[in-house]
C-alpha cells in the first residue's frame, strides 16, 4: 500500500468518524431541545399531543441541521 492509499484511507476514516459524531450530536440536541419543549411532565408514555409536538420539533430541527450542514460543506468545498 503506497502513501497516497494510506492517506486516502485515513481521510475516509476521519470523515466517517466525523459523520458519526455529527449524527450523535444531532440526536442529543433533538432529544434535549424537543423533549424539554414538548414533554413538560415525563410519565410512563407520551400523550398524542406530546408525540405530535416531538415529531414536528424533530422534523424542524433536522431540516435546519441539514441546511446548515449543506451550506457548511458547500463552503468548505469552495475554499479548497
Protein backbone atom coordinates (compact mmCIF):
# COMPACT_ATOMS: atom_id res chain seq x y z
CA UNK A 1 0.00 0.00 0.00
CA UNK A 2 1.50 3.33 -1.02
CA UNK A 3 1.39 6.54 0.98
CA UNK A 4 -1.45 8.00 -1.12
CA UNK A 5 -3.61 4.95 -0.46
CA UNK A 6 -2.89 5.15 3.26
CA UNK A 7 -3.66 8.86 3.28
CA UNK A 8 -6.94 8.30 1.42
CA UNK A 9 -7.94 5.57 3.88
CA UNK A 10 -7.16 7.77 6.90
CA UNK A 11 -9.14 10.66 5.40
CA UNK A 12 -12.06 8.29 4.76
CA UNK A 13 -11.95 7.05 8.36
CA UNK A 14 -11.81 10.60 9.73
CA UNK A 15 -14.79 11.64 7.60
CA UNK A 16 -16.75 8.60 8.72
CA UNK A 17 -16.00 9.33 12.38
CA UNK A 18 -16.92 12.98 11.87
CA UNK A 19 -20.25 12.00 10.30
CA UNK A 20 -20.98 9.61 13.17
CA UNK A 21 -20.11 12.29 15.74
CA UNK A 22 -22.40 14.75 13.95
CA UNK A 23 -25.26 12.25 13.92
CA UNK A 24 -24.77 11.59 17.63
CA UNK A 25 -24.71 15.30 18.35
CA UNK A 26 -27.87 15.82 16.30
CA UNK A 27 -29.73 13.12 18.22
CA UNK A 28 -28.58 14.53 21.55
CA UNK A 29 -29.63 18.06 20.61
CA UNK A 30 -33.01 16.91 19.31
CA UNK A 31 -33.66 14.96 22.49
CA UNK A 32 -32.51 17.82 24.68
CA UNK A 33 -34.37 20.59 22.84
CA UNK A 34 -37.54 18.82 21.73
CA UNK A 35 -38.06 16.73 24.84
CA UNK A 36 -37.78 19.78 27.08
CA UNK A 37 -40.15 21.71 24.83
CA UNK A 38 -42.76 19.00 24.27
CA UNK A 39 -42.80 16.90 27.44
CA UNK A 40 -43.31 19.17 30.45
CA UNK A 41 -44.10 16.31 32.84
CA UNK A 42 -42.49 13.00 31.86
CA UNK A 43 -44.55 9.92 32.57
CA UNK A 44 -44.68 6.30 31.50
CA UNK A 45 -45.78 7.19 27.96
CA UNK A 46 -46.22 10.20 25.69
CA UNK A 47 -49.65 11.67 25.05
CA UNK A 48 -50.81 12.19 21.47
CA UNK A 49 -50.12 15.92 21.69
CA UNK A 50 -46.63 15.27 23.09
CA UNK A 51 -45.90 12.80 20.27
CA UNK A 52 -47.12 15.29 17.65
CA UNK A 53 -45.10 18.13 19.19
CA UNK A 54 -41.98 15.96 19.42
CA UNK A 55 -42.32 14.76 15.81
CA UNK A 56 -42.82 18.27 14.45
CA UNK A 57 -39.97 19.67 16.55
CA UNK A 58 -37.66 16.87 15.44
CA UNK A 59 -38.52 17.42 11.76
CA UNK A 60 -37.89 21.16 12.03
CA UNK A 61 -34.63 20.66 13.90
CA UNK A 62 -33.37 18.09 11.40
CA UNK A 63 -34.34 20.29 8.46
CA UNK A 64 -32.43 23.22 9.94
CA UNK A 65 -29.45 20.97 10.76
CA UNK A 66 -29.39 19.63 7.19
CA UNK A 67 -29.49 23.14 5.75
CA UNK A 68 -26.64 24.31 7.96
CA UNK A 69 -24.60 21.17 7.17
CA UNK A 70 -25.18 21.50 3.42
CA UNK A 71 -24.18 25.15 3.46
CA UNK A 72 -21.11 24.44 5.58
CA UNK A 73 -19.94 21.59 3.34
CA UNK A 74 -20.53 23.69 0.23
CA UNK A 75 -18.48 26.49 1.72
CA UNK A 76 -15.64 24.16 2.63
CA UNK A 77 -15.58 22.73 -0.88
CA UNK A 78 -15.39 26.20 -2.43
CA UNK A 79 -12.44 27.11 -0.19
CA UNK A 80 -10.37 24.10 -1.24
